[in-house]
Every structure is written in structure tokens, then in C-alpha cells.
């Protein structure tokens, strides 16, 4: 099993980059009036988890007031984050393809070095 942590411009751009590598499938558009489906379907041996914006430095609050007031706002990492987990017999070649393509055309890039304490949202 290989976990790759990605810095992305946005979810849609990351999905486009992963689809170009054959790691996810973008399903056809849903007809009007139908409930929306998933925006991507990972292929066998791939798990894709969108994290979104991620705090680098938490906000500092003044708890002496109610409601608490922000003394120093939070600082976020640039862009957004996503996790890519590769497993099974194709994991190594898939990881090699992602590494070779990083940074990708829509801005998806592997975070290197990997975070010491990554945020995980495996579904």
C-alpha cells in the first residue's frame, strides 16, 4: 500500500489530472432532474480522498469574550489537499506514474516530503 499526499488547485482539477493517468473514471453527466452521482470513480486498487483547505497554523482566540474573538486568524497551506492511496499489484507502477507526472497539468503535485502528521479522511 502506498499513500501519496497531494497539493491541488481544486477537487475538479485534481480529478482531471488523476483521470488523465487512468486512476479515476469521470462518469457521464446525469440527466436533468436526476440525483447527482459521484464526480469520479476510482479504479480498482485506488482510493481518492479530498481533504480541502488545510490549516497550517491554527487561529488564536480570545476566550475572555463571548463569543470568543479571533486575535490572530488561522494560516492555511496554499491550495487544497487530497490523499491518494494505491494498493494491490498495480500500486508500484501507478505510484511511479504519479511521481513522474508531478506536477500535473492542472496543478496537482505530490507533497514532498510527505507530511509528518497527515490529515486522513479515508472513506
C-alpha atoms as a PDB file:
ATOM      1  CA  UNK A   1       0.000   0.000   0.000  1.00  0.00           C
ATOM      2  CA  UNK A   2       1.297   3.436  -0.981  1.00  0.00           C
ATOM      3  CA  UNK A   3      -0.100   6.718   0.326  1.00  0.00           C
ATOM      4  CA  UNK A   4       0.560   9.898  -1.648  1.00  0.00           C
ATOM      5  CA  UNK A   5      -0.385  13.293  -0.276  1.00  0.00           C
ATOM      6  CA  UNK A   6      -1.316  15.853  -2.892  1.00  0.00           C
ATOM      7  CA  UNK A   7      -1.414  19.624  -3.101  1.00  0.00           C
ATOM      8  CA  UNK A   8      -4.174  20.536  -5.535  1.00  0.00           C
ATOM      9  CA  UNK A   9      -5.719  23.652  -7.049  1.00  0.00           C
ATOM     10  CA  UNK A  10      -9.251  22.314  -6.521  1.00  0.00           C
ATOM     11  CA  UNK A  11     -11.093  18.994  -6.477  1.00  0.00           C
ATOM     12  CA  UNK A  12     -12.220  19.179 -10.134  1.00  0.00           C
ATOM     13  CA  UNK A  13      -8.693  19.905 -11.417  1.00  0.00           C
ATOM     14  CA  UNK A  14      -7.230  17.069  -9.343  1.00  0.00           C
ATOM     15  CA  UNK A  15      -9.840  14.649 -10.700  1.00  0.00           C
ATOM     16  CA  UNK A  16      -8.948  15.739 -14.247  1.00  0.00           C
ATOM     17  CA  UNK A  17      -5.249  15.064 -13.558  1.00  0.00           C
ATOM     18  CA  UNK A  18      -5.956  11.648 -11.990  1.00  0.00           C
ATOM     19  CA  UNK A  19      -8.303  10.717 -14.852  1.00  0.00           C
ATOM     20  CA  UNK A  20      -5.538  11.513 -17.357  1.00  0.00           C
ATOM     21  CA  UNK A  21      -3.370   8.947 -15.537  1.00  0.00           C
ATOM     22  CA  UNK A  22      -6.174   6.360 -15.576  1.00  0.00           C
ATOM     23  CA  UNK A  23      -6.577   6.342 -11.788  1.00  0.00           C
ATOM     24  CA  UNK A  24     -10.179   7.568 -11.720  1.00  0.00           C
ATOM     25  CA  UNK A  25     -13.047   7.485 -14.164  1.00  0.00           C
ATOM     26  CA  UNK A  26     -15.220  10.545 -14.705  1.00  0.00           C
ATOM     27  CA  UNK A  27     -18.802   9.271 -15.078  1.00  0.00           C
ATOM     28  CA  UNK A  28     -21.117  10.681 -17.750  1.00  0.00           C
ATOM     29  CA  UNK A  29     -23.257  13.686 -16.851  1.00  0.00           C
ATOM     30  CA  UNK A  30     -26.505  12.922 -15.039  1.00  0.00           C
ATOM     31  CA  UNK A  31     -29.668  13.967 -16.930  1.00  0.00           C
ATOM     32  CA  UNK A  32     -31.595  16.937 -15.540  1.00  0.00           C
ATOM     33  CA  UNK A  33     -33.967  16.007 -12.766  1.00  0.00           C
ATOM     34  CA  UNK A  34     -31.892  13.005 -11.662  1.00  0.00           C
ATOM     35  CA  UNK A  35     -29.991  12.931  -8.376  1.00  0.00           C
ATOM     36  CA  UNK A  36     -26.316  13.764  -8.822  1.00  0.00           C
ATOM     37  CA  UNK A  37     -23.867  10.900  -8.891  1.00  0.00           C
ATOM     38  CA  UNK A  38     -20.216  10.817  -7.856  1.00  0.00           C
ATOM     39  CA  UNK A  39     -17.827  13.185  -9.630  1.00  0.00           C
ATOM     40  CA  UNK A  40     -15.282  10.387 -10.015  1.00  0.00           C
ATOM     41  CA  UNK A  41     -14.978   6.644  -9.579  1.00  0.00           C
ATOM     42  CA  UNK A  42     -11.550   5.353  -8.543  1.00  0.00           C
ATOM     43  CA  UNK A  43     -10.322   2.320 -10.485  1.00  0.00           C
ATOM     44  CA  UNK A  44      -9.582  -0.951  -8.642  1.00  0.00           C
ATOM     45  CA  UNK A  45      -6.730  -0.513  -6.176  1.00  0.00           C
ATOM     46  CA  UNK A  46      -7.138   3.255  -5.859  1.00  0.00           C
ATOM     47  CA  UNK A  47      -8.731   5.331  -3.093  1.00  0.00           C
ATOM     48  CA  UNK A  48      -9.093   9.091  -3.605  1.00  0.00           C
ATOM     49  CA  UNK A  49      -9.995  11.295  -0.675  1.00  0.00           C
ATOM     50  CA  UNK A  50     -10.480  15.031  -0.964  1.00  0.00           C
ATOM     51  CA  UNK A  51      -9.345  16.945   2.119  1.00  0.00           C
ATOM     52  CA  UNK A  52      -9.833  20.561   1.016  1.00  0.00           C
ATOM     53  CA  UNK A  53      -8.161  23.560   2.614  1.00  0.00           C
ATOM     54  CA  UNK A  54      -5.809  22.648   5.458  1.00  0.00           C
ATOM     55  CA  UNK A  55      -4.756  24.767   8.413  1.00  0.00           C
ATOM     56  CA  UNK A  56      -1.016  25.331   8.783  1.00  0.00           C
ATOM     57  CA  UNK A  57      -1.229  27.466  11.923  1.00  0.00           C
ATOM     58  CA  UNK A  58      -4.447  27.480  13.978  1.00  0.00           C
ATOM     59  CA  UNK A  59      -6.194  30.716  14.854  1.00  0.00           C
ATOM     60  CA  UNK A  60      -5.538  32.272  18.246  1.00  0.00           C
ATOM     61  CA  UNK A  61      -8.779  33.085  20.068  1.00  0.00           C
ATOM     62  CA  UNK A  62      -9.508  35.409  22.955  1.00  0.00           C
ATOM     63  CA  UNK A  63     -11.700  33.248  25.161  1.00  0.00           C
ATOM     64  CA  UNK A  64     -12.291  36.060  27.654  1.00  0.00           C
ATOM     65  CA  UNK A  65     -15.099  37.346  25.435  1.00  0.00           C
ATOM     66  CA  UNK A  66     -18.309  35.626  24.427  1.00  0.00           C
ATOM     67  CA  UNK A  67     -18.388  34.638  21.743  1.00  0.00           C
ATOM     68  CA  UNK A  68     -14.619  34.259  21.556  1.00  0.00           C
ATOM     69  CA  UNK A  69     -12.935  36.741  19.262  1.00  0.00           C
ATOM     70  CA  UNK A  70     -10.130  35.976  16.847  1.00  0.00           C
ATOM     71  CA  UNK A  71      -6.855  37.569  17.930  1.00  0.00           C
ATOM     72  CA  UNK A  72      -4.816  36.037  15.105  1.00  0.00           C
ATOM     73  CA  UNK A  73      -6.522  34.373  12.119  1.00  0.00           C
ATOM     74  CA  UNK A  74      -5.586  30.869  11.006  1.00  0.00           C
ATOM     75  CA  UNK A  75      -2.961  30.458   8.298  1.00  0.00           C
ATOM     76  CA  UNK A  76      -3.730  27.900   5.593  1.00  0.00           C
ATOM     77  CA  UNK A  77      -1.373  25.939   3.364  1.00  0.00           C
ATOM     78  CA  UNK A  78      -1.538  27.104  -0.253  1.00  0.00           C
ATOM     79  CA  UNK A  79      -4.156  25.404  -2.413  1.00  0.00           C
ATOM     80  CA  UNK A  80      -6.085  22.420  -1.149  1.00  0.00           C
ATOM     81  CA  UNK A  81      -5.171  18.857  -0.192  1.00  0.00           C
ATOM     82  CA  UNK A  82      -6.145  15.340  -1.233  1.00  0.00           C
ATOM     83  CA  UNK A  83      -4.925  11.848  -0.379  1.00  0.00           C
ATOM     84  CA  UNK A  84      -4.306   9.096  -2.898  1.00  0.00           C
ATOM     85  CA  UNK A  85      -3.974   5.523  -1.619  1.00  0.00           C
ATOM     86  CA  UNK A  86      -2.721   2.887  -4.069  1.00  0.00           C
ATOM     87  CA  UNK A  87      -2.907  -0.798  -3.209  1.00  0.00           C
ATOM     88  CA  UNK A  88      -2.760  -4.159  -4.924  1.00  0.00           C
ATOM     89  CA  UNK A  89      -0.489  -5.414  -7.690  1.00  0.00           C
ATOM     90  CA  UNK A  90      -0.622  -2.178  -9.721  1.00  0.00           C
ATOM     91  CA  UNK A  91       0.308   0.109  -6.782  1.00  0.00           C
ATOM     92  CA  UNK A  92       4.025   0.465  -7.601  1.00  0.00           C
ATOM     93  CA  UNK A  93       3.618   1.305 -11.315  1.00  0.00           C
ATOM     94  CA  UNK A  94       0.693   3.637 -10.535  1.00  0.00           C
ATOM     95  CA  UNK A  95       2.780   5.461  -7.908  1.00  0.00           C
ATOM     96  CA  UNK A  96       5.670   5.732 -10.370  1.00  0.00           C
ATOM     97  CA  UNK A  97       3.315   7.273 -12.949  1.00  0.00           C
ATOM     98  CA  UNK A  98       2.001   9.820 -10.423  1.00  0.00           C
ATOM     99  CA  UNK A  99       5.537  10.724  -9.315  1.00  0.00           C
ATOM    100  CA  UNK A 100       6.710  11.108 -12.917  1.00  0.00           C
ATOM    101  CA  UNK A 101       3.718  13.322 -13.790  1.00  0.00           C
ATOM    102  CA  UNK A 102       4.031  15.597 -10.733  1.00  0.00           C
ATOM    103  CA  UNK A 103       3.397  18.489 -11.067  1.00  0.00           C
ATOM    104  CA  UNK A 104       0.484  17.685 -13.364  1.00  0.00           C
ATOM    105  CA  UNK A 105      -1.167  19.934 -15.993  1.00  0.00           C
ATOM    106  CA  UNK A 106      -3.967  21.116 -13.663  1.00  0.00           C
ATOM    107  CA  UNK A 107      -1.604  21.807 -10.760  1.00  0.00           C
ATOM    108  CA  UNK A 108      -1.804  18.541  -8.828  1.00  0.00           C
ATOM    109  CA  UNK A 109       1.549  17.827  -7.163  1.00  0.00           C
ATOM    110  CA  UNK A 110       2.879  15.365  -4.611  1.00  0.00           C
ATOM    111  CA  UNK A 111       3.737  16.975  -1.287  1.00  0.00           C
ATOM    112  CA  UNK A 112       7.410  16.210  -0.765  1.00  0.00           C
ATOM    113  CA  UNK A 113       8.458  15.495   1.861  1.00  0.00           C
ATOM    114  CA  UNK A 114       5.266  13.808   2.991  1.00  0.00           C
ATOM    115  CA  UNK A 115       3.583  15.432   5.991  1.00  0.00           C
ATOM    116  CA  UNK A 116       4.795  14.172   9.373  1.00  0.00           C
ATOM    117  CA  UNK A 117       1.189  14.118  10.630  1.00  0.00           C
ATOM    118  CA  UNK A 118      -1.009  13.910   7.512  1.00  0.00           C
ATOM    119  CA  UNK A 119      -4.720  14.609   7.687  1.00  0.00           C
ATOM    120  CA  UNK A 120      -6.595  11.454   6.766  1.00  0.00           C
ATOM    121  CA  UNK A 121     -10.140  11.112   5.543  1.00  0.00           C
ATOM    122  CA  UNK A 122     -10.112   7.611   4.072  1.00  0.00           C
ATOM    123  CA  UNK A 123     -13.656   6.614   3.141  1.00  0.00           C
END
